[in-house]
PDB file of N, CA and C in Angstrom:
ATOM      1  N   UNK A   1       0.837  -1.191   0.000  1.00  0.00           N
ATOM      2  CA  UNK A   1       0.000   0.000   0.000  1.00  0.00           C
ATOM      3  C   UNK A   1       0.876   1.247   0.000  1.00  0.00           C
ATOM      4  N   UNK A   2       0.381   2.268  -0.596  1.00  0.00           N
ATOM      5  CA  UNK A   2       1.043   3.567  -0.587  1.00  0.00           C
ATOM      6  C   UNK A   2       0.526   4.361   0.600  1.00  0.00           C
ATOM      7  N   UNK A   3       1.432   4.717   1.503  1.00  0.00           N
ATOM      8  CA  UNK A   3       1.056   5.427   2.720  1.00  0.00           C
ATOM      9  C   UNK A   3       1.699   6.811   2.707  1.00  0.00           C
ATOM     10  N   UNK A   4       0.876   7.823   2.871  1.00  0.00           N
ATOM     11  CA  UNK A   4       1.345   9.202   2.928  1.00  0.00           C
ATOM     12  C   UNK A   4       1.188   9.710   4.356  1.00  0.00           C
ATOM     13  N   UNK A   5       2.296  10.155   4.943  1.00  0.00           N
ATOM     14  CA  UNK A   5       2.280  10.740   6.283  1.00  0.00           C
ATOM     15  C   UNK A   5       2.243  12.255   6.136  1.00  0.00           C
ATOM     16  N   UNK A   6       1.329  12.900   6.845  1.00  0.00           N
ATOM     17  CA  UNK A   6       1.105  14.342   6.694  1.00  0.00           C
ATOM     18  C   UNK A   6       1.190  15.039   8.040  1.00  0.00           C
ATOM     19  N   UNK A   7       1.974  16.123   8.066  1.00  0.00           N
ATOM     20  CA  UNK A   7       1.990  17.040   9.201  1.00  0.00           C
ATOM     21  C   UNK A   7       1.921  18.451   8.636  1.00  0.00           C
ATOM     22  N   UNK A   8       2.216  19.430   9.425  1.00  0.00           N
ATOM     23  CA  UNK A   8       2.092  20.807   8.961  1.00  0.00           C
ATOM     24  C   UNK A   8       3.304  21.247   8.142  1.00  0.00           C
ATOM     25  N   UNK A   9       4.480  21.171   8.724  1.00  0.00           N
ATOM     26  CA  UNK A   9       5.666  21.726   8.078  1.00  0.00           C
ATOM     27  C   UNK A   9       6.500  20.696   7.312  1.00  0.00           C
ATOM     28  N   UNK A  10       6.249  19.414   7.485  1.00  0.00           N
ATOM     29  CA  UNK A  10       7.023  18.349   6.849  1.00  0.00           C
ATOM     30  C   UNK A  10       8.502  18.456   7.218  1.00  0.00           C
ATOM     31  N   UNK A  11       8.732  18.748   8.497  1.00  0.00           N
ATOM     32  CA  UNK A  11      10.107  18.862   8.995  1.00  0.00           C
ATOM     33  C   UNK A  11      10.398  17.795  10.050  1.00  0.00           C
ATOM     34  N   UNK A  12       9.468  17.558  10.961  1.00  0.00           N
ATOM     35  CA  UNK A  12       9.744  16.625  12.062  1.00  0.00           C
ATOM     36  C   UNK A  12       8.820  15.410  12.029  1.00  0.00           C
ATOM     37  N   UNK A  13       7.532  15.640  12.227  1.00  0.00           N
ATOM     38  CA  UNK A  13       6.618  14.529  12.456  1.00  0.00           C
ATOM     39  C   UNK A  13       6.432  13.610  11.257  1.00  0.00           C
ATOM     40  N   UNK A  14       6.009  14.130  10.122  1.00  0.00           N
ATOM     41  CA  UNK A  14       5.723  13.232   8.990  1.00  0.00           C
ATOM     42  C   UNK A  14       6.981  12.592   8.407  1.00  0.00           C
ATOM     43  N   UNK A  15       8.115  13.308   8.278  1.00  0.00           N
ATOM     44  CA  UNK A  15       9.314  12.607   7.787  1.00  0.00           C
ATOM     45  C   UNK A  15       9.775  11.500   8.733  1.00  0.00           C
ATOM     46  N   UNK A  16       9.699  11.747  10.049  1.00  0.00           N
ATOM     47  CA  UNK A  16      10.099  10.714  10.989  1.00  0.00           C
ATOM     48  C   UNK A  16       9.125   9.538  10.937  1.00  0.00           C
ATOM     49  N   UNK A  17       7.844   9.817  10.816  1.00  0.00           N
ATOM     50  CA  UNK A  17       6.857   8.743  10.723  1.00  0.00           C
ATOM     51  C   UNK A  17       7.126   7.876   9.499  1.00  0.00           C
ATOM     52  N   UNK A  18       7.416   8.495   8.364  1.00  0.00           N
ATOM     53  CA  UNK A  18       7.714   7.730   7.144  1.00  0.00           C
ATOM     54  C   UNK A  18       8.984   6.905   7.327  1.00  0.00           C
ATOM     55  N   UNK A  19       9.997   7.482   7.955  1.00  0.00           N
ATOM     56  CA  UNK A  19      11.252   6.762   8.178  1.00  0.00           C
ATOM     57  C   UNK A  19      11.049   5.581   9.121  1.00  0.00           C
ATOM     58  N   UNK A  20      10.287   5.779  10.191  1.00  0.00           N
ATOM     59  CA  UNK A  20       9.999   4.681  11.115  1.00  0.00           C
ATOM     60  C   UNK A  20       9.221   3.571  10.411  1.00  0.00           C
ATOM     61  N   UNK A  21       8.254   3.961   9.622  1.00  0.00           N
ATOM     62  CA  UNK A  21       7.428   3.011   8.884  1.00  0.00           C
ATOM     63  C   UNK A  21       8.295   2.169   7.948  1.00  0.00           C
ATOM     64  N   UNK A  22       9.124   2.832   7.162  1.00  0.00           N
ATOM     65  CA  UNK A  22      10.004   2.110   6.232  1.00  0.00           C
ATOM     66  C   UNK A  22      11.020   1.268   6.984  1.00  0.00           C
ATOM     67  N   UNK A  23      11.491   1.753   8.119  1.00  0.00           N
ATOM     68  CA  UNK A  23      12.432   0.988   8.930  1.00  0.00           C
ATOM     69  C   UNK A  23      11.822  -0.304   9.451  1.00  0.00           C
ATOM     70  N   UNK A  24      10.555  -0.265   9.810  1.00  0.00           N
ATOM     71  CA  UNK A  24       9.869  -1.469  10.276  1.00  0.00           C
ATOM     72  C   UNK A  24       9.720  -2.496   9.155  1.00  0.00           C
ATOM     73  N   UNK A  25       9.664  -2.024   7.930  1.00  0.00           N
ATOM     74  CA  UNK A  25       9.533  -2.931   6.791  1.00  0.00           C
ATOM     75  C   UNK A  25      10.848  -3.655   6.479  1.00  0.00           C
ATOM     76  N   UNK A  26      11.960  -3.096   6.945  1.00  0.00           N
ATOM     77  CA  UNK A  26      13.287  -3.695   6.751  1.00  0.00           C
ATOM     78  C   UNK A  26      13.554  -4.092   5.305  1.00  0.00           C
ATOM     79  N   UNK A  27      13.281  -3.194   4.396  1.00  0.00           N
ATOM     80  CA  UNK A  27      13.569  -3.447   2.990  1.00  0.00           C
ATOM     81  C   UNK A  27      12.470  -4.170   2.238  1.00  0.00           C
ATOM     82  N   UNK A  28      11.448  -4.649   2.941  1.00  0.00           N
ATOM     83  CA  UNK A  28      10.314  -5.302   2.299  1.00  0.00           C
ATOM     84  C   UNK A  28       9.509  -4.220   1.579  1.00  0.00           C
ATOM     85  N   UNK A  29       9.195  -4.444   0.326  1.00  0.00           N
ATOM     86  CA  UNK A  29       8.520  -3.397  -0.442  1.00  0.00           C
ATOM     87  C   UNK A  29       7.003  -3.600  -0.550  1.00  0.00           C
ATOM     88  N   UNK A  30       6.398  -4.291   0.427  1.00  0.00           N
ATOM     89  CA  UNK A  30       4.947  -4.492   0.379  1.00  0.00           C
ATOM     90  C   UNK A  30       4.186  -3.183   0.574  1.00  0.00           C
ATOM     91  N   UNK A  31       4.832  -2.199   1.183  1.00  0.00           N
ATOM     92  CA  UNK A  31       4.244  -0.875   1.357  1.00  0.00           C
ATOM     93  C   UNK A  31       5.285   0.167   0.961  1.00  0.00           C
ATOM     94  N   UNK A  32       4.809   1.303   0.487  1.00  0.00           N
ATOM     95  CA  UNK A  32       5.662   2.453   0.190  1.00  0.00           C
ATOM     96  C   UNK A  32       5.210   3.600   1.083  1.00  0.00           C
ATOM     97  N   UNK A  33       6.118   4.518   1.369  1.00  0.00           N
ATOM     98  CA  UNK A  33       5.752   5.652   2.226  1.00  0.00           C
ATOM     99  C   UNK A  33       6.396   6.930   1.716  1.00  0.00           C
ATOM    100  N   UNK A  34       5.666   8.011   1.883  1.00  0.00           N
ATOM    101  CA  UNK A  34       6.130   9.370   1.598  1.00  0.00           C
ATOM    102  C   UNK A  34       5.621  10.262   2.724  1.00  0.00           C
ATOM    103  N   UNK A  35       6.144  11.477   2.741  1.00  0.00           N
ATOM    104  CA  UNK A  35       5.643  12.456   3.705  1.00  0.00           C
ATOM    105  C   UNK A  35       5.400  13.773   2.986  1.00  0.00           C
ATOM    106  N   UNK A  36       4.505  14.565   3.563  1.00  0.00           N
ATOM    107  CA  UNK A  36       4.179  15.873   2.998  1.00  0.00           C
ATOM    108  C   UNK A  36       3.679  16.768   4.121  1.00  0.00           C
ATOM    109  N   UNK A  37       3.687  18.064   3.839  1.00  0.00           N
ATOM    110  CA  UNK A  37       3.208  19.040   4.805  1.00  0.00           C
ATOM    111  C   UNK A  37       2.100  19.893   4.227  1.00  0.00           C
ATOM    112  N   UNK A  38       1.280  20.434   5.100  1.00  0.00           N
ATOM    113  CA  UNK A  38       0.157  21.253   4.661  1.00  0.00           C
ATOM    114  C   UNK A  38       0.516  22.729   4.529  1.00  0.00           C
ATOM    115  N   UNK A  39       1.601  23.168   5.152  1.00  0.00           N
ATOM    116  CA  UNK A  39       1.986  24.587   5.110  1.00  0.00           C
ATOM    117  C   UNK A  39       2.510  24.948   3.711  1.00  0.00           C
ATOM    118  N   UNK A  40       2.284  26.173   3.326  1.00  0.00           N
ATOM    119  CA  UNK A  40       2.727  26.623   2.003  1.00  0.00           C
ATOM    120  C   UNK A  40       4.245  26.593   1.860  1.00  0.00           C
ATOM    121  N   UNK A  41       4.948  26.641   2.974  1.00  0.00           N
ATOM    122  CA  UNK A  41       6.421  26.647   2.945  1.00  0.00           C
ATOM    123  C   UNK A  41       7.015  25.263   3.236  1.00  0.00           C
ATOM    124  N   UNK A  42       6.186  24.245   3.318  1.00  0.00           N
ATOM    125  CA  UNK A  42       6.684  22.887   3.588  1.00  0.00           C
ATOM    126  C   UNK A  42       7.623  22.455   2.465  1.00  0.00           C
ATOM    127  N   UNK A  43       8.735  21.794   2.788  1.00  0.00           N
ATOM    128  CA  UNK A  43       9.666  21.336   1.760  1.00  0.00           C
ATOM    129  C   UNK A  43       9.004  20.405   0.733  1.00  0.00           C
ATOM    130  N   UNK A  44       8.099  19.564   1.194  1.00  0.00           N
ATOM    131  CA  UNK A  44       7.316  18.717   0.294  1.00  0.00           C
ATOM    132  C   UNK A  44       5.857  18.970   0.654  1.00  0.00           C
ATOM    133  N   UNK A  45       5.177  19.672  -0.216  1.00  0.00           N
ATOM    134  CA  UNK A  45       3.817  20.148   0.049  1.00  0.00           C
ATOM    135  C   UNK A  45       2.775  19.099  -0.327  1.00  0.00           C
ATOM    136  N   UNK A  46       1.723  19.011   0.464  1.00  0.00           N
ATOM    137  CA  UNK A  46       0.601  18.140   0.176  1.00  0.00           C
ATOM    138  C   UNK A  46      -0.093  18.631  -1.091  1.00  0.00           C
ATOM    139  N   UNK A  47      -0.241  17.735  -2.053  1.00  0.00           N
ATOM    140  CA  UNK A  47      -0.824  18.091  -3.351  1.00  0.00           C
ATOM    141  C   UNK A  47      -1.886  17.072  -3.749  1.00  0.00           C
ATOM    142  N   UNK A  48      -2.616  17.394  -4.770  1.00  0.00           N
ATOM    143  CA  UNK A  48      -3.593  16.456  -5.327  1.00  0.00           C
ATOM    144  C   UNK A  48      -2.889  15.195  -5.815  1.00  0.00           C
ATOM    145  N   UNK A  49      -1.727  15.349  -6.401  1.00  0.00           N
ATOM    146  CA  UNK A  49      -0.964  14.188  -6.881  1.00  0.00           C
ATOM    147  C   UNK A  49      -0.603  13.260  -5.721  1.00  0.00           C
ATOM    148  N   UNK A  50      -0.157  13.831  -4.597  1.00  0.00           N
ATOM    149  CA  UNK A  50       0.175  13.019  -3.424  1.00  0.00           C
ATOM    150  C   UNK A  50      -1.074  12.321  -2.884  1.00  0.00           C
ATOM    151  N   UNK A  51      -2.177  13.035  -2.837  1.00  0.00           N
ATOM    152  CA  UNK A  51      -3.417  12.448  -2.348  1.00  0.00           C
ATOM    153  C   UNK A  51      -3.881  11.302  -3.252  1.00  0.00           C
ATOM    154  N   UNK A  52      -3.727  11.464  -4.556  1.00  0.00           N
ATOM    155  CA  UNK A  52      -4.120  10.407  -5.490  1.00  0.00           C
ATOM    156  C   UNK A  52      -3.199   9.193  -5.374  1.00  0.00           C
ATOM    157  N   UNK A  53      -1.903   9.420  -5.129  1.00  0.00           N
ATOM    158  CA  UNK A  53      -0.932   8.329  -4.975  1.00  0.00           C
ATOM    159  C   UNK A  53      -1.242   7.481  -3.746  1.00  0.00           C
ATOM    160  N   UNK A  54      -1.666   8.119  -2.677  1.00  0.00           N
ATOM    161  CA  UNK A  54      -1.831   7.455  -1.383  1.00  0.00           C
ATOM    162  C   UNK A  54      -3.080   6.588  -1.335  1.00  0.00           C
ATOM    163  N   UNK A  55      -2.905   5.413  -0.749  1.00  0.00           N
ATOM    164  CA  UNK A  55      -4.042   4.551  -0.438  1.00  0.00           C
ATOM    165  C   UNK A  55      -4.455   4.756   1.022  1.00  0.00           C
ATOM    166  N   UNK A  56      -3.503   5.196   1.832  1.00  0.00           N
ATOM    167  CA  UNK A  56      -3.751   5.551   3.230  1.00  0.00           C
ATOM    168  C   UNK A  56      -3.038   6.877   3.488  1.00  0.00           C
ATOM    169  N   UNK A  57      -3.718   7.797   4.132  1.00  0.00           N
ATOM    170  CA  UNK A  57      -3.135   9.083   4.493  1.00  0.00           C
ATOM    171  C   UNK A  57      -3.149   9.165   6.016  1.00  0.00           C
ATOM    172  N   UNK A  58      -1.975   9.072   6.616  1.00  0.00           N
ATOM    173  CA  UNK A  58      -1.846   9.121   8.072  1.00  0.00           C
ATOM    174  C   UNK A  58      -1.485  10.546   8.471  1.00  0.00           C
ATOM    175  N   UNK A  59      -2.453  11.253   9.042  1.00  0.00           N
ATOM    176  CA  UNK A  59      -2.245  12.648   9.445  1.00  0.00           C
ATOM    177  C   UNK A  59      -1.936  12.699  10.930  1.00  0.00           C
ATOM    178  N   UNK A  60      -1.252  13.746  11.332  1.00  0.00           N
ATOM    179  CA  UNK A  60      -0.850  13.871  12.723  1.00  0.00           C
ATOM    180  C   UNK A  60      -1.952  14.430  13.610  1.00  0.00           C
ATOM    181  N   UNK A  61      -2.803  15.315  13.067  1.00  0.00           N
ATOM    182  CA  UNK A  61      -3.800  16.006  13.880  1.00  0.00           C
ATOM    183  C   UNK A  61      -5.145  16.073  13.170  1.00  0.00           C
ATOM    184  N   UNK A  62      -6.185  16.288  13.954  1.00  0.00           N
ATOM    185  CA  UNK A  62      -7.535  16.475  13.398  1.00  0.00           C
ATOM    186  C   UNK A  62      -7.559  17.638  12.403  1.00  0.00           C
ATOM    187  N   UNK A  63      -6.757  18.677  12.657  1.00  0.00           N
ATOM    188  CA  UNK A  63      -6.725  19.830  11.752  1.00  0.00           C
ATOM    189  C   UNK A  63      -6.304  19.417  10.342  1.00  0.00           C
ATOM    190  N   UNK A  64      -5.420  18.435  10.245  1.00  0.00           N
ATOM    191  CA  UNK A  64      -4.998  17.945   8.925  1.00  0.00           C
ATOM    192  C   UNK A  64      -6.149  17.208   8.242  1.00  0.00           C
ATOM    193  N   UNK A  65      -6.896  16.438   9.006  1.00  0.00           N
ATOM    194  CA  UNK A  65      -8.087  15.769   8.461  1.00  0.00           C
ATOM    195  C   UNK A  65      -9.081  16.808   7.960  1.00  0.00           C
ATOM    196  N   UNK A  66      -9.315  17.841   8.747  1.00  0.00           N
ATOM    197  CA  UNK A  66     -10.254  18.895   8.350  1.00  0.00           C
ATOM    198  C   UNK A  66      -9.824  19.560   7.053  1.00  0.00           C
ATOM    199  N   UNK A  67      -8.532  19.817   6.903  1.00  0.00           N
ATOM    200  CA  UNK A  67      -8.021  20.428   5.683  1.00  0.00           C
ATOM    201  C   UNK A  67      -8.267  19.507   4.494  1.00  0.00           C
ATOM    202  N   UNK A  68      -7.990  18.230   4.658  1.00  0.00           N
ATOM    203  CA  UNK A  68      -8.203  17.270   3.571  1.00  0.00           C
ATOM    204  C   UNK A  68      -9.688  17.170   3.229  1.00  0.00           C
ATOM    205  N   UNK A  69     -10.541  17.150   4.229  1.00  0.00           N
ATOM    206  CA  UNK A  69     -11.981  17.110   3.972  1.00  0.00           C
ATOM    207  C   UNK A  69     -12.437  18.326   3.168  1.00  0.00           C
ATOM    208  N   UNK A  70     -11.803  19.470   3.422  1.00  0.00           N
ATOM    209  CA  UNK A  70     -12.166  20.687   2.704  1.00  0.00           C
ATOM    210  C   UNK A  70     -11.625  20.749   1.287  1.00  0.00           C
ATOM    211  N   UNK A  71     -10.378  20.315   1.089  1.00  0.00           N
ATOM    212  CA  UNK A  71      -9.732  20.422  -0.223  1.00  0.00           C
ATOM    213  C   UNK A  71      -9.857  19.172  -1.081  1.00  0.00           C
ATOM    214  N   UNK A  72      -9.883  18.015  -0.458  1.00  0.00           N
ATOM    215  CA  UNK A  72      -9.930  16.735  -1.185  1.00  0.00           C
ATOM    216  C   UNK A  72     -10.981  15.822  -0.552  1.00  0.00           C
ATOM    217  N   UNK A  73     -12.245  16.212  -0.580  1.00  0.00           N
ATOM    218  CA  UNK A  73     -13.269  15.417   0.106  1.00  0.00           C
ATOM    219  C   UNK A  73     -13.363  13.977  -0.402  1.00  0.00           C
ATOM    220  N   UNK A  74     -13.038  13.751  -1.654  1.00  0.00           N
ATOM    221  CA  UNK A  74     -13.104  12.392  -2.203  1.00  0.00           C
ATOM    222  C   UNK A  74     -12.013  11.486  -1.640  1.00  0.00           C
ATOM    223  N   UNK A  75     -11.008  12.055  -0.995  1.00  0.00           N
ATOM    224  CA  UNK A  75      -9.907  11.281  -0.431  1.00  0.00           C
ATOM    225  C   UNK A  75      -9.985  11.181   1.102  1.00  0.00           C
ATOM    226  N   UNK A  76     -10.962  11.828   1.706  1.00  0.00           N
ATOM    227  CA  UNK A  76     -11.044  11.873   3.168  1.00  0.00           C
ATOM    228  C   UNK A  76     -11.243  10.484   3.779  1.00  0.00           C
ATOM    229  N   UNK A  77     -11.819   9.566   3.019  1.00  0.00           N
ATOM    230  CA  UNK A  77     -12.043   8.220   3.545  1.00  0.00           C
ATOM    231  C   UNK A  77     -10.745   7.435   3.723  1.00  0.00           C
ATOM    232  N   UNK A  78      -9.642   7.921   3.188  1.00  0.00           N
ATOM    233  CA  UNK A  78      -8.337   7.264   3.318  1.00  0.00           C
ATOM    234  C   UNK A  78      -7.593   7.696   4.578  1.00  0.00           C
ATOM    235  N   UNK A  79      -8.103   8.674   5.280  1.00  0.00           N
ATOM    236  CA  UNK A  79      -7.357   9.325   6.362  1.00  0.00           C
ATOM    237  C   UNK A  79      -7.456   8.557   7.673  1.00  0.00           C
ATOM    238  N   UNK A  80      -6.301   8.447   8.320  1.00  0.00           N
ATOM    239  CA  UNK A  80      -6.174   7.920   9.673  1.00  0.00           C
ATOM    240  C   UNK A  80      -5.504   9.013  10.496  1.00  0.00           C
ATOM    241  N   UNK A  81      -6.097   9.393  11.610  1.00  0.00           N
ATOM    242  CA  UNK A  81      -5.516  10.427  12.479  1.00  0.00           C
ATOM    243  C   UNK A  81      -4.663   9.744  13.543  1.00  0.00           C
ATOM    244  N   UNK A  82      -3.366  10.075  13.574  1.00  0.00           N
ATOM    245  CA  UNK A  82      -2.459   9.472  14.538  1.00  0.00           C
ATOM    246  C   UNK A  82      -2.470  10.159  15.899  1.00  0.00           C
ATOM    247  N   UNK A  83      -2.880  11.414  15.951  1.00  0.00           N
ATOM    248  CA  UNK A  83      -2.954  12.126  17.231  1.00  0.00           C
ATOM    249  C   UNK A  83      -1.591  12.487  17.806  1.00  0.00           C
ATOM    250  N   UNK A  84      -0.755  13.103  16.976  1.00  0.00           N
ATOM    251  CA  UNK A  84       0.584  13.512  17.405  1.00  0.00           C
ATOM    252  C   UNK A  84       0.652  15.033  17.323  1.00  0.00           C
ATOM    253  N   UNK A  85       0.754  15.721  18.472  1.00  0.00           N
ATOM    254  CA  UNK A  85       0.776  17.182  18.467  1.00  0.00           C
ATOM    255  C   UNK A  85       2.067  17.749  17.855  1.00  0.00           C
ATOM    256  N   UNK A  86       2.022  19.021  17.579  1.00  0.00           N
ATOM    257  CA  UNK A  86       3.147  19.711  16.929  1.00  0.00           C
ATOM    258  C   UNK A  86       4.193  20.153  17.956  1.00  0.00           C
ATOM    259  N   UNK A  87       5.231  20.802  17.440  1.00  0.00           N
ATOM    260  CA  UNK A  87       6.278  21.441  18.231  1.00  0.00           C
ATOM    261  C   UNK A  87       7.342  20.489  18.756  1.00  0.00           C
ATOM    262  N   UNK A  88       7.677  19.493  17.986  1.00  0.00           N
ATOM    263  CA  UNK A  88       8.813  18.636  18.294  1.00  0.00           C
ATOM    264  C   UNK A  88       9.946  18.975  17.349  1.00  0.00           C
ATOM    265  N   UNK A  89      11.147  18.897  17.852  1.00  0.00           N
ATOM    266  CA  UNK A  89      12.320  19.010  16.990  1.00  0.00           C
ATOM    267  C   UNK A  89      12.450  17.696  16.224  1.00  0.00           C
ATOM    268  N   UNK A  90      13.036  17.716  15.011  1.00  0.00           N
ATOM    269  CA  UNK A  90      13.131  16.494  14.211  1.00  0.00           C
ATOM    270  C   UNK A  90      13.827  15.333  14.919  1.00  0.00           C
ATOM    271  N   UNK A  91      14.795  15.618  15.767  1.00  0.00           N
ATOM    272  CA  UNK A  91      15.545  14.544  16.419  1.00  0.00           C
ATOM    273  C   UNK A  91      15.137  14.338  17.881  1.00  0.00           C
ATOM    274  N   UNK A  92      13.979  14.854  18.278  1.00  0.00           N
ATOM    275  CA  UNK A  92      13.529  14.746  19.666  1.00  0.00           C
ATOM    276  C   UNK A  92      13.184  13.292  20.003  1.00  0.00           C
ATOM    277  N   UNK A  93      13.810  12.750  21.037  1.00  0.00           N
ATOM    278  CA  UNK A  93      13.496  11.365  21.428  1.00  0.00           C
ATOM    279  C   UNK A  93      12.032  11.194  21.825  1.00  0.00           C
ATOM    280  N   UNK A  94      11.412  12.261  22.360  1.00  0.00           N
ATOM    281  CA  UNK A  94      10.008  12.190  22.753  1.00  0.00           C
ATOM    282  C   UNK A  94       9.108  11.963  21.534  1.00  0.00           C
ATOM    283  N   UNK A  95       9.476  12.575  20.411  1.00  0.00           N
ATOM    284  CA  UNK A  95       8.692  12.400  19.190  1.00  0.00           C
ATOM    285  C   UNK A  95       8.796  10.955  18.703  1.00  0.00           C
ATOM    286  N   UNK A  96       9.998  10.420  18.688  1.00  0.00           N
ATOM    287  CA  UNK A  96      10.198   9.027  18.278  1.00  0.00           C
ATOM    288  C   UNK A  96       9.413   8.090  19.198  1.00  0.00           C
ATOM    289  N   UNK A  97       9.464   8.345  20.513  1.00  0.00           N
ATOM    290  CA  UNK A  97       8.764   7.497  21.481  1.00  0.00           C
ATOM    291  C   UNK A  97       7.245   7.563  21.295  1.00  0.00           C
ATOM    292  N   UNK A  98       6.742   8.730  20.915  1.00  0.00           N
ATOM    293  CA  UNK A  98       5.309   8.887  20.692  1.00  0.00           C
ATOM    294  C   UNK A  98       4.874   8.243  19.375  1.00  0.00           C
ATOM    295  N   UNK A  99       5.677   8.424  18.335  1.00  0.00           N
ATOM    296  CA  UNK A  99       5.322   7.914  17.011  1.00  0.00           C
ATOM    297  C   UNK A  99       5.485   6.394  16.868  1.00  0.00           C
ATOM    298  N   UNK A 100       6.520   5.835  17.443  1.00  0.00           N
ATOM    299  CA  UNK A 100       6.865   4.433  17.197  1.00  0.00           C
ATOM    300  C   UNK A 100       5.697   3.470  17.416  1.00  0.00           C
ATOM    301  N   UNK A 101       5.007   3.514  18.568  1.00  0.00           N
ATOM    302  CA  UNK A 101       3.901   2.561  18.742  1.00  0.00           C
ATOM    303  C   UNK A 101       2.735   2.820  17.784  1.00  0.00           C
ATOM    304  N   UNK A 102       2.515   4.067  17.420  1.00  0.00           N
ATOM    305  CA  UNK A 102       1.442   4.398  16.488  1.00  0.00           C
ATOM    306  C   UNK A 102       1.765   3.864  15.095  1.00  0.00           C
ATOM    307  N   UNK A 103       3.035   3.952  14.701  1.00  0.00           N
ATOM    308  CA  UNK A 103       3.448   3.465  13.389  1.00  0.00           C
ATOM    309  C   UNK A 103       3.393   1.932  13.366  1.00  0.00           C
ATOM    310  N   UNK A 104       3.820   1.297  14.453  1.00  0.00           N
ATOM    311  CA  UNK A 104       3.729  -0.177  14.531  1.00  0.00           C
ATOM    312  C   UNK A 104       2.272  -0.626  14.409  1.00  0.00           C
ATOM    313  N   UNK A 105       1.370   0.060  15.093  1.00  0.00           N
ATOM    314  CA  UNK A 105      -0.053  -0.288  15.042  1.00  0.00           C
ATOM    315  C   UNK A 105      -0.616  -0.078  13.632  1.00  0.00           C
ATOM    316  N   UNK A 106      -0.231   1.008  12.986  1.00  0.00           N
ATOM    317  CA  UNK A 106      -0.683   1.269  11.626  1.00  0.00           C
ATOM    318  C   UNK A 106      -0.198   0.167  10.684  1.00  0.00           C
ATOM    319  N   UNK A 107       1.059  -0.200  10.796  1.00  0.00           N
ATOM    320  CA  UNK A 107       1.606  -1.255   9.943  1.00  0.00           C
ATOM    321  C   UNK A 107       0.874  -2.574  10.194  1.00  0.00           C
ATOM    322  N   UNK A 108       0.607  -2.884  11.446  1.00  0.00           N
ATOM    323  CA  UNK A 108      -0.123  -4.106  11.779  1.00  0.00           C
ATOM    324  C   UNK A 108      -1.522  -4.075  11.156  1.00  0.00           C
ATOM    325  N   UNK A 109      -2.196  -2.938  11.247  1.00  0.00           N
ATOM    326  CA  UNK A 109      -3.521  -2.796  10.635  1.00  0.00           C
ATOM    327  C   UNK A 109      -3.456  -2.967   9.121  1.00  0.00           C
ATOM    328  N   UNK A 110      -2.457  -2.355   8.492  1.00  0.00           N
ATOM    329  CA  UNK A 110      -2.318  -2.462   7.040  1.00  0.00           C
ATOM    330  C   UNK A 110      -2.045  -3.903   6.627  1.00  0.00           C
ATOM    331  N   UNK A 111      -1.177  -4.567   7.336  1.00  0.00           N
ATOM    332  CA  UNK A 111      -0.860  -5.953   7.001  1.00  0.00           C
ATOM    333  C   UNK A 111      -2.076  -6.849   7.205  1.00  0.00           C
ATOM    334  N   UNK A 112      -2.859  -6.600   8.235  1.00  0.00           N
ATOM    335  CA  UNK A 112      -4.083  -7.355   8.438  1.00  0.00           C
ATOM    336  C   UNK A 112      -5.097  -7.096   7.344  1.00  0.00           C
ATOM    337  N   UNK A 113      -5.156  -5.846   6.901  1.00  0.00           N
ATOM    338  CA  UNK A 113      -6.064  -5.461   5.814  1.00  0.00           C
ATOM    339  C   UNK A 113      -5.635  -6.142   4.516  1.00  0.00           C
ATOM    340  N   UNK A 114      -4.327  -6.171   4.249  1.00  0.00           N
ATOM    341  CA  UNK A 114      -3.811  -6.812   3.030  1.00  0.00           C
ATOM    342  C   UNK A 114      -4.150  -8.302   3.017  1.00  0.00           C
ATOM    343  N   UNK A 115      -3.944  -8.970   4.150  1.00  0.00           N
ATOM    344  CA  UNK A 115      -4.226 -10.412   4.212  1.00  0.00           C
ATOM    345  C   UNK A 115      -5.711 -10.681   4.030  1.00  0.00           C
ATOM    346  N   UNK A 116      -6.536  -9.807   4.568  1.00  0.00           N
ATOM    347  CA  UNK A 116      -7.972  -9.985   4.426  1.00  0.00           C
ATOM    348  C   UNK A 116      -8.453  -9.779   3.007  1.00  0.00           C
ATOM    349  N   UNK A 117      -7.710  -9.016   2.222  1.00  0.00           N
ATOM    350  CA  UNK A 117      -8.104  -8.723   0.850  1.00  0.00           C
ATOM    351  C   UNK A 117      -7.725  -9.837  -0.113  1.00  0.00           C
ATOM    352  N   UNK A 118      -6.825 -10.716   0.301  1.00  0.00           N
ATOM    353  CA  UNK A 118      -6.349 -11.759  -0.600  1.00  0.00           C
ATOM    354  C   UNK A 118      -7.350 -12.880  -0.736  1.00  0.00           C
TER     355      UNK A 118
END
């Protein structure tokens, strides 16, 4: 599955979430991951192309879900809210500790969904 991780600035939360997700896969290519941000100055901005690529959109906050519902209502059904607040530095151990179990749970859900679809 194609998984898009979304935060506001695409500096700390979503890039780390994508890296953790890919790290859990250990080179297995059953899922792909990217990250994007909703802010106009985000290094990788959330776009219609990114939304179309994604089969699952893992957002950090309800505000990101609300934005997607407003701009891409046809894609809102793909959204999973992880519930990770803002204001972490990219290398903050607290951010990694908060994200890791959420990413493991998401991967477990995706793998269960894949097996059920076969």
